[in-house]
Amino acid sequence: MKELVEVIAKALVNNPDQVSVTAAEGANSTVYELRVASEDMGKIIGKQGRIAKAIRTVVKAAATRENKKATVEIV
Protein backbone atom coordinates (compact mmCIF):
# COMPACT_ATOMS: atom_id res chain seq x y z
CA MET A 1 0.00 0.00 0.00
CA LYS A 2 2.86 2.35 0.85
CA GLU A 3 4.35 1.72 -2.58
CA LEU A 4 1.02 2.53 -4.23
CA VAL A 5 0.88 5.97 -2.62
CA GLU A 6 4.52 6.60 -3.51
CA VAL A 7 4.11 5.64 -7.18
CA ILE A 8 1.02 7.82 -7.60
CA ALA A 9 2.67 10.81 -5.92
CA LYS A 10 5.93 10.51 -7.87
CA ALA A 11 3.99 10.52 -11.13
CA LEU A 12 2.34 13.84 -10.25
CA VAL A 13 5.20 15.99 -8.94
CA ASN A 14 8.20 17.79 -10.46
CA ASN A 15 10.57 16.60 -7.70
CA PRO A 16 9.93 12.85 -7.35
CA ASP A 17 13.10 12.39 -5.28
CA GLN A 18 11.55 14.47 -2.46
CA VAL A 19 8.45 12.27 -2.14
CA SER A 20 8.33 10.21 1.04
CA VAL A 21 5.61 8.05 2.52
CA THR A 22 5.55 6.82 6.10
CA ALA A 23 3.08 4.35 7.53
CA ALA A 24 1.71 4.66 11.06
CA GLU A 25 -0.04 1.50 12.20
CA GLY A 26 -3.02 2.07 14.45
CA ALA A 27 -5.30 -0.31 16.29
CA ASN A 28 -7.84 -0.57 13.48
CA SER A 29 -6.25 1.20 10.54
CA THR A 30 -3.07 2.44 8.93
CA VAL A 31 -2.35 6.11 8.27
CA TYR A 32 -0.01 6.90 5.41
CA GLU A 33 1.69 10.30 5.65
CA LEU A 34 2.66 11.70 2.27
CA ARG A 35 5.38 14.36 2.21
CA VAL A 36 6.31 16.30 -0.92
CA ALA A 37 8.33 19.41 -1.71
CA SER A 38 6.49 22.63 -0.88
CA GLU A 39 6.33 23.69 -4.54
CA ASP A 40 4.65 20.37 -5.42
CA MET A 41 1.97 20.61 -2.74
CA GLY A 42 -0.52 22.19 -5.13
CA LYS A 43 -0.09 19.40 -7.65
CA ILE A 44 -0.80 16.76 -5.02
CA ILE A 45 -3.84 18.55 -3.64
CA GLY A 46 -5.26 19.63 -7.00
CA LYS A 47 -8.03 22.08 -7.71
CA GLN A 48 -10.54 22.01 -4.87
CA GLY A 49 -8.76 18.94 -3.50
CA ARG A 50 -9.80 16.64 -6.33
CA ILE A 51 -6.45 14.87 -6.76
CA ALA A 52 -6.03 14.39 -3.01
CA LYS A 53 -9.53 12.95 -2.82
CA ALA A 54 -8.78 10.62 -5.74
CA ILE A 55 -5.57 9.37 -4.08
CA ARG A 56 -7.48 8.71 -0.87
CA THR A 57 -10.22 6.87 -2.77
CA VAL A 58 -7.73 4.59 -4.57
CA VAL A 59 -5.92 3.76 -1.31
CA LYS A 60 -9.17 3.11 0.51
CA ALA A 61 -10.35 0.80 -2.28
CA ALA A 62 -7.05 -1.10 -2.28
CA ALA A 63 -7.19 -1.46 1.50
CA THR A 64 -10.76 -2.72 1.34
CA ARG A 65 -9.67 -5.50 -1.03
CA GLU A 66 -7.27 -6.65 1.68
CA ASN A 67 -9.89 -6.28 4.45
CA LYS A 68 -8.02 -3.39 6.04
CA LYS A 69 -8.62 0.30 6.66
CA ALA A 70 -6.24 2.97 5.42
CA THR A 71 -6.18 6.75 5.14
CA VAL A 72 -3.77 9.19 3.51
CA GLU A 73 -2.58 12.37 5.22
CA ILE A 74 -0.80 14.97 3.09
CA VAL A 75 1.79 16.70 5.25
PDB file of N, CA and C in Angstrom:
ATOM      1  N   MET A   1       0.831  -1.189   0.000  1.00  0.00           N
ATOM      2  CA  MET A   1       0.000   0.000   0.000  1.00  0.00           C
ATOM      3  C   MET A   1       0.877   1.256   0.000  1.00  0.00           C
ATOM      4  N   LYS A   2       1.939   1.216   0.787  1.00  0.00           N
ATOM      5  CA  LYS A   2       2.858   2.350   0.853  1.00  0.00           C
ATOM      6  C   LYS A   2       3.448   2.629  -0.527  1.00  0.00           C
ATOM      7  N   GLU A   3       3.792   1.570  -1.251  1.00  0.00           N
ATOM      8  CA  GLU A   3       4.353   1.719  -2.584  1.00  0.00           C
ATOM      9  C   GLU A   3       3.340   2.330  -3.550  1.00  0.00           C
ATOM     10  N   LEU A   4       2.077   1.988  -3.386  1.00  0.00           N
ATOM     11  CA  LEU A   4       1.020   2.531  -4.232  1.00  0.00           C
ATOM     12  C   LEU A   4       0.941   4.042  -4.092  1.00  0.00           C
ATOM     13  N   VAL A   5       0.935   4.527  -2.865  1.00  0.00           N
ATOM     14  CA  VAL A   5       0.879   5.974  -2.618  1.00  0.00           C
ATOM     15  C   VAL A   5       2.110   6.654  -3.200  1.00  0.00           C
ATOM     16  N   GLU A   6       3.261   6.026  -3.023  1.00  0.00           N
ATOM     17  CA  GLU A   6       4.516   6.601  -3.508  1.00  0.00           C
ATOM     18  C   GLU A   6       4.549   6.680  -5.029  1.00  0.00           C
ATOM     19  N   VAL A   7       4.108   5.656  -5.710  1.00  0.00           N
ATOM     20  CA  VAL A   7       4.105   5.642  -7.175  1.00  0.00           C
ATOM     21  C   VAL A   7       3.165   6.707  -7.725  1.00  0.00           C
ATOM     22  N   ILE A   8       1.991   6.819  -7.140  1.00  0.00           N
ATOM     23  CA  ILE A   8       1.023   7.825  -7.599  1.00  0.00           C
ATOM     24  C   ILE A   8       1.590   9.222  -7.394  1.00  0.00           C
ATOM     25  N   ALA A   9       2.150   9.488  -6.227  1.00  0.00           N
ATOM     26  CA  ALA A   9       2.674  10.814  -5.917  1.00  0.00           C
ATOM     27  C   ALA A   9       3.853  11.174  -6.811  1.00  0.00           C
ATOM     28  N   LYS A  10       4.758  10.234  -7.037  1.00  0.00           N
ATOM     29  CA  LYS A  10       5.933  10.514  -7.865  1.00  0.00           C
ATOM     30  C   LYS A  10       5.547  10.816  -9.308  1.00  0.00           C
ATOM     31  N   ALA A  11       4.444  10.257  -9.771  1.00  0.00           N
ATOM     32  CA  ALA A  11       3.992  10.515 -11.133  1.00  0.00           C
ATOM     33  C   ALA A  11       3.416  11.923 -11.284  1.00  0.00           C
ATOM     34  N   LEU A  12       3.013  12.537 -10.194  1.00  0.00           N
ATOM     35  CA  LEU A  12       2.344  13.839 -10.255  1.00  0.00           C
ATOM     36  C   LEU A  12       3.262  15.039 -10.036  1.00  0.00           C
ATOM     37  N   VAL A  13       4.378  14.860  -9.380  1.00  0.00           N
ATOM     38  CA  VAL A  13       5.198  15.993  -8.940  1.00  0.00           C
ATOM     39  C   VAL A  13       6.389  16.250  -9.858  1.00  0.00           C
ATOM     40  N   ASN A  14       6.989  17.428  -9.711  1.00  0.00           N
ATOM     41  CA  ASN A  14       8.195  17.792 -10.457  1.00  0.00           C
ATOM     42  C   ASN A  14       9.455  17.267  -9.780  1.00  0.00           C
ATOM     43  N   ASN A  15       9.417  17.075  -8.470  1.00  0.00           N
ATOM     44  CA  ASN A  15      10.569  16.602  -7.701  1.00  0.00           C
ATOM     45  C   ASN A  15      10.259  15.231  -7.087  1.00  0.00           C
ATOM     46  N   PRO A  16      10.298  14.169  -7.893  1.00  0.00           N
ATOM     47  CA  PRO A  16       9.933  12.854  -7.348  1.00  0.00           C
ATOM     48  C   PRO A  16      10.908  12.328  -6.296  1.00  0.00           C
ATOM     49  N   ASP A  17      12.138  12.855  -6.271  1.00  0.00           N
ATOM     50  CA  ASP A  17      13.098  12.391  -5.276  1.00  0.00           C
ATOM     51  C   ASP A  17      12.777  12.911  -3.878  1.00  0.00           C
ATOM     52  N   GLN A  18      11.916  13.918  -3.764  1.00  0.00           N
ATOM     53  CA  GLN A  18      11.549  14.467  -2.458  1.00  0.00           C
ATOM     54  C   GLN A  18      10.234  13.901  -1.928  1.00  0.00           C
ATOM     55  N   VAL A  19       9.682  12.915  -2.599  1.00  0.00           N
ATOM     56  CA  VAL A  19       8.448  12.275  -2.141  1.00  0.00           C
ATOM     57  C   VAL A  19       8.805  11.213  -1.113  1.00  0.00           C
ATOM     58  N   SER A  20       8.131  11.255   0.032  1.00  0.00           N
ATOM     59  CA  SER A  20       8.330  10.207   1.035  1.00  0.00           C
ATOM     60  C   SER A  20       6.989   9.837   1.648  1.00  0.00           C
ATOM     61  N   VAL A  21       6.840   8.570   1.927  1.00  0.00           N
ATOM     62  CA  VAL A  21       5.606   8.053   2.519  1.00  0.00           C
ATOM     63  C   VAL A  21       5.987   7.254   3.759  1.00  0.00           C
ATOM     64  N   THR A  22       5.339   7.580   4.872  1.00  0.00           N
ATOM     65  CA  THR A  22       5.548   6.818   6.097  1.00  0.00           C
ATOM     66  C   THR A  22       4.218   6.226   6.537  1.00  0.00           C
ATOM     67  N   ALA A  23       4.282   5.045   7.088  1.00  0.00           N
ATOM     68  CA  ALA A  23       3.077   4.354   7.534  1.00  0.00           C
ATOM     69  C   ALA A  23       3.041   4.326   9.053  1.00  0.00           C
ATOM     70  N   ALA A  24       1.912   4.717   9.613  1.00  0.00           N
ATOM     71  CA  ALA A  24       1.706   4.662  11.062  1.00  0.00           C
ATOM     72  C   ALA A  24       0.577   3.668  11.329  1.00  0.00           C
ATOM     73  N   GLU A  25       0.938   2.541  11.915  1.00  0.00           N
ATOM     74  CA  GLU A  25      -0.041   1.501  12.204  1.00  0.00           C
ATOM     75  C   GLU A  25      -0.842   1.870  13.440  1.00  0.00           C
ATOM     76  N   GLY A  26      -2.151   1.829  13.315  1.00  0.00           N
ATOM     77  CA  GLY A  26      -3.022   2.075  14.446  1.00  0.00           C
ATOM     78  C   GLY A  26      -3.687   0.780  14.875  1.00  0.00           C
ATOM     79  N   ALA A  27      -4.603   0.880  15.804  1.00  0.00           N
ATOM     80  CA  ALA A  27      -5.303  -0.311  16.293  1.00  0.00           C
ATOM     81  C   ALA A  27      -6.184  -0.924  15.204  1.00  0.00           C
ATOM     82  N   ASN A  28      -6.902  -0.062  14.486  1.00  0.00           N
ATOM     83  CA  ASN A  28      -7.836  -0.565  13.475  1.00  0.00           C
ATOM     84  C   ASN A  28      -7.453  -0.203  12.050  1.00  0.00           C
ATOM     85  N   SER A  29      -6.554   0.748  11.892  1.00  0.00           N
ATOM     86  CA  SER A  29      -6.250   1.198  10.540  1.00  0.00           C
ATOM     87  C   SER A  29      -4.803   1.661  10.430  1.00  0.00           C
ATOM     88  N   THR A  30      -4.406   1.945   9.208  1.00  0.00           N
ATOM     89  CA  THR A  30      -3.068   2.442   8.928  1.00  0.00           C
ATOM     90  C   THR A  30      -3.190   3.832   8.323  1.00  0.00           C
ATOM     91  N   VAL A  31      -2.371   4.747   8.802  1.00  0.00           N
ATOM     92  CA  VAL A  31      -2.354   6.109   8.275  1.00  0.00           C
ATOM     93  C   VAL A  31      -1.054   6.284   7.501  1.00  0.00           C
ATOM     94  N   TYR A  32      -1.178   6.657   6.246  1.00  0.00           N
ATOM     95  CA  TYR A  32      -0.014   6.898   5.407  1.00  0.00           C
ATOM     96  C   TYR A  32       0.191   8.402   5.300  1.00  0.00           C
ATOM     97  N   GLU A  33       1.365   8.876   5.713  1.00  0.00           N
ATOM     98  CA  GLU A  33       1.694  10.301   5.655  1.00  0.00           C
ATOM     99  C   GLU A  33       2.522  10.546   4.406  1.00  0.00           C
ATOM    100  N   LEU A  34       2.002  11.372   3.533  1.00  0.00           N
ATOM    101  CA  LEU A  34       2.660  11.696   2.268  1.00  0.00           C
ATOM    102  C   LEU A  34       3.316  13.059   2.396  1.00  0.00           C
ATOM    103  N   ARG A  35       4.620  13.106   2.160  1.00  0.00           N
ATOM    104  CA  ARG A  35       5.376  14.362   2.207  1.00  0.00           C
ATOM    105  C   ARG A  35       5.963  14.633   0.834  1.00  0.00           C
ATOM    106  N   VAL A  36       5.764  15.870   0.361  1.00  0.00           N
ATOM    107  CA  VAL A  36       6.314  16.296  -0.922  1.00  0.00           C
ATOM    108  C   VAL A  36       6.973  17.652  -0.738  1.00  0.00           C
ATOM    109  N   ALA A  37       7.709  18.090  -1.755  1.00  0.00           N
ATOM    110  CA  ALA A  37       8.326  19.413  -1.713  1.00  0.00           C
ATOM    111  C   ALA A  37       7.220  20.467  -1.669  1.00  0.00           C
ATOM    112  N   SER A  38       7.514  21.599  -1.053  1.00  0.00           N
ATOM    113  CA  SER A  38       6.492  22.631  -0.882  1.00  0.00           C
ATOM    114  C   SER A  38       5.961  23.147  -2.211  1.00  0.00           C
ATOM    115  N   GLU A  39       6.809  23.194  -3.241  1.00  0.00           N
ATOM    116  CA  GLU A  39       6.327  23.685  -4.538  1.00  0.00           C
ATOM    117  C   GLU A  39       5.448  22.660  -5.264  1.00  0.00           C
ATOM    118  N   ASP A  40       5.482  21.407  -4.819  1.00  0.00           N
ATOM    119  CA  ASP A  40       4.645  20.367  -5.420  1.00  0.00           C
ATOM    120  C   ASP A  40       3.346  20.131  -4.659  1.00  0.00           C
ATOM    121  N   MET A  41       3.154  20.822  -3.571  1.00  0.00           N
ATOM    122  CA  MET A  41       1.969  20.606  -2.735  1.00  0.00           C
ATOM    123  C   MET A  41       0.676  20.856  -3.523  1.00  0.00           C
ATOM    124  N   GLY A  42       0.671  21.886  -4.336  1.00  0.00           N
ATOM    125  CA  GLY A  42      -0.523  22.195  -5.127  1.00  0.00           C
ATOM    126  C   GLY A  42      -0.861  21.111  -6.130  1.00  0.00           C
ATOM    127  N   LYS A  43       0.146  20.475  -6.681  1.00  0.00           N
ATOM    128  CA  LYS A  43      -0.093  19.403  -7.651  1.00  0.00           C
ATOM    129  C   LYS A  43      -0.672  18.168  -6.976  1.00  0.00           C
ATOM    130  N   ILE A  44      -0.270  17.908  -5.751  1.00  0.00           N
ATOM    131  CA  ILE A  44      -0.795  16.756  -5.023  1.00  0.00           C
ATOM    132  C   ILE A  44      -2.229  17.014  -4.556  1.00  0.00           C
ATOM    133  N   ILE A  45      -2.497  18.227  -4.125  1.00  0.00           N
ATOM    134  CA  ILE A  45      -3.838  18.545  -3.637  1.00  0.00           C
ATOM    135  C   ILE A  45      -4.814  18.719  -4.801  1.00  0.00           C
ATOM    136  N   GLY A  46      -4.400  19.433  -5.840  1.00  0.00           N
ATOM    137  CA  GLY A  46      -5.259  19.628  -6.999  1.00  0.00           C
ATOM    138  C   GLY A  46      -6.290  20.706  -6.760  1.00  0.00           C
ATOM    139  N   LYS A  47      -6.989  21.050  -7.812  1.00  0.00           N
ATOM    140  CA  LYS A  47      -8.026  22.076  -7.711  1.00  0.00           C
ATOM    141  C   LYS A  47      -9.170  21.563  -6.851  1.00  0.00           C
ATOM    142  N   GLN A  48      -9.479  22.327  -5.839  1.00  0.00           N
ATOM    143  CA  GLN A  48     -10.536  22.012  -4.874  1.00  0.00           C
ATOM    144  C   GLN A  48     -10.328  20.637  -4.234  1.00  0.00           C
ATOM    145  N   GLY A  49      -9.081  20.185  -4.166  1.00  0.00           N
ATOM    146  CA  GLY A  49      -8.763  18.938  -3.497  1.00  0.00           C
ATOM    147  C   GLY A  49      -9.126  17.685  -4.253  1.00  0.00           C
ATOM    148  N   ARG A  50      -9.346  17.795  -5.557  1.00  0.00           N
ATOM    149  CA  ARG A  50      -9.802  16.641  -6.327  1.00  0.00           C
ATOM    150  C   ARG A  50      -8.751  15.542  -6.428  1.00  0.00           C
ATOM    151  N   ILE A  51      -7.495  15.902  -6.636  1.00  0.00           N
ATOM    152  CA  ILE A  51      -6.451  14.874  -6.765  1.00  0.00           C
ATOM    153  C   ILE A  51      -6.219  14.195  -5.424  1.00  0.00           C
ATOM    154  N   ALA A  52      -6.195  14.971  -4.342  1.00  0.00           N
ATOM    155  CA  ALA A  52      -6.028  14.389  -3.009  1.00  0.00           C
ATOM    156  C   ALA A  52      -7.172  13.428  -2.702  1.00  0.00           C
ATOM    157  N   LYS A  53      -8.367  13.809  -3.051  1.00  0.00           N
ATOM    158  CA  LYS A  53      -9.529  12.950  -2.818  1.00  0.00           C
ATOM    159  C   LYS A  53      -9.427  11.673  -3.650  1.00  0.00           C
ATOM    160  N   ALA A  54      -8.935  11.792  -4.882  1.00  0.00           N
ATOM    161  CA  ALA A  54      -8.783  10.623  -5.740  1.00  0.00           C
ATOM    162  C   ALA A  54      -7.725   9.660  -5.183  1.00  0.00           C
ATOM    163  N   ILE A  55      -6.618  10.216  -4.686  1.00  0.00           N
ATOM    164  CA  ILE A  55      -5.574   9.371  -4.083  1.00  0.00           C
ATOM    165  C   ILE A  55      -6.142   8.630  -2.879  1.00  0.00           C
ATOM    166  N   ARG A  56      -6.885   9.339  -2.054  1.00  0.00           N
ATOM    167  CA  ARG A  56      -7.484   8.712  -0.867  1.00  0.00           C
ATOM    168  C   ARG A  56      -8.472   7.619  -1.266  1.00  0.00           C
ATOM    169  N   THR A  57      -9.239   7.848  -2.318  1.00  0.00           N
ATOM    170  CA  THR A  57     -10.218   6.869  -2.773  1.00  0.00           C
ATOM    171  C   THR A  57      -9.536   5.601  -3.275  1.00  0.00           C
ATOM    172  N   VAL A  58      -8.457   5.756  -4.048  1.00  0.00           N
ATOM    173  CA  VAL A  58      -7.728   4.594  -4.566  1.00  0.00           C
ATOM    174  C   VAL A  58      -7.130   3.783  -3.424  1.00  0.00           C
ATOM    175  N   VAL A  59      -6.530   4.460  -2.448  1.00  0.00           N
ATOM    176  CA  VAL A  59      -5.918   3.758  -1.313  1.00  0.00           C
ATOM    177  C   VAL A  59      -6.977   3.060  -0.477  1.00  0.00           C
ATOM    178  N   LYS A  60      -8.094   3.725  -0.271  1.00  0.00           N
ATOM    179  CA  LYS A  60      -9.174   3.114   0.507  1.00  0.00           C
ATOM    180  C   LYS A  60      -9.722   1.878  -0.200  1.00  0.00           C
ATOM    181  N   ALA A  61      -9.859   1.944  -1.519  1.00  0.00           N
ATOM    182  CA  ALA A  61     -10.350   0.796  -2.280  1.00  0.00           C
ATOM    183  C   ALA A  61      -9.355  -0.364  -2.234  1.00  0.00           C
ATOM    184  N   ALA A  62      -8.065  -0.059  -2.352  1.00  0.00           N
ATOM    185  CA  ALA A  62      -7.047  -1.105  -2.282  1.00  0.00           C
ATOM    186  C   ALA A  62      -7.007  -1.739  -0.898  1.00  0.00           C
ATOM    187  N   ALA A  63      -7.185  -0.937   0.135  1.00  0.00           N
ATOM    188  CA  ALA A  63      -7.191  -1.463   1.504  1.00  0.00           C
ATOM    189  C   ALA A  63      -8.419  -2.338   1.743  1.00  0.00           C
ATOM    190  N   THR A  64      -9.538  -1.946   1.183  1.00  0.00           N
ATOM    191  CA  THR A  64     -10.765  -2.718   1.344  1.00  0.00           C
ATOM    192  C   THR A  64     -10.624  -4.102   0.720  1.00  0.00           C
ATOM    193  N   ARG A  65      -9.902  -4.192  -0.393  1.00  0.00           N
ATOM    194  CA  ARG A  65      -9.670  -5.496  -1.030  1.00  0.00           C
ATOM    195  C   ARG A  65      -8.881  -6.424  -0.123  1.00  0.00           C
ATOM    196  N   GLU A  66      -8.067  -5.852   0.760  1.00  0.00           N
ATOM    197  CA  GLU A  66      -7.267  -6.650   1.680  1.00  0.00           C
ATOM    198  C   GLU A  66      -7.904  -6.719   3.075  1.00  0.00           C
ATOM    199  N   ASN A  67      -9.155  -6.300   3.182  1.00  0.00           N
ATOM    200  CA  ASN A  67      -9.889  -6.283   4.447  1.00  0.00           C
ATOM    201  C   ASN A  67      -9.191  -5.448   5.522  1.00  0.00           C
ATOM    202  N   LYS A  68      -8.684  -4.298   5.129  1.00  0.00           N
ATOM    203  CA  LYS A  68      -8.017  -3.387   6.037  1.00  0.00           C
ATOM    204  C   LYS A  68      -8.616  -2.009   5.885  1.00  0.00           C
ATOM    205  N   LYS A  69      -8.218  -1.100   6.755  1.00  0.00           N
ATOM    206  CA  LYS A  69      -8.619   0.301   6.655  1.00  0.00           C
ATOM    207  C   LYS A  69      -7.360   1.145   6.520  1.00  0.00           C
ATOM    208  N   ALA A  70      -7.416   2.112   5.621  1.00  0.00           N
ATOM    209  CA  ALA A  70      -6.241   2.968   5.415  1.00  0.00           C
ATOM    210  C   ALA A  70      -6.700   4.372   5.052  1.00  0.00           C
ATOM    211  N   THR A  71      -5.935   5.345   5.506  1.00  0.00           N
ATOM    212  CA  THR A  71      -6.177   6.745   5.143  1.00  0.00           C
ATOM    213  C   THR A  71      -4.860   7.375   4.720  1.00  0.00           C
ATOM    214  N   VAL A  72      -4.956   8.468   3.979  1.00  0.00           N
ATOM    215  CA  VAL A  72      -3.769   9.192   3.509  1.00  0.00           C
ATOM    216  C   VAL A  72      -3.816  10.603   4.057  1.00  0.00           C
ATOM    217  N   GLU A  73      -2.744  11.004   4.720  1.00  0.00           N
ATOM    218  CA  GLU A  73      -2.583  12.375   5.217  1.00  0.00           C
ATOM    219  C   GLU A  73      -1.509  13.036   4.377  1.00  0.00           C
ATOM    220  N   ILE A  74      -1.790  14.222   3.865  1.00  0.00           N
ATOM    221  CA  ILE A  74      -0.803  14.967   3.095  1.00  0.00           C
ATOM    222  C   ILE A  74      -0.196  16.006   4.022  1.00  0.00           C
ATOM    223  N   VAL A  75       1.105  15.846   4.271  1.00  0.00           N
ATOM    224  CA  VAL A  75       1.789  16.701   5.246  1.00  0.00           C
ATOM    225  C   VAL A  75       2.690  17.681   4.528  1.00  0.00           C
TER     226      VAL A  75
END
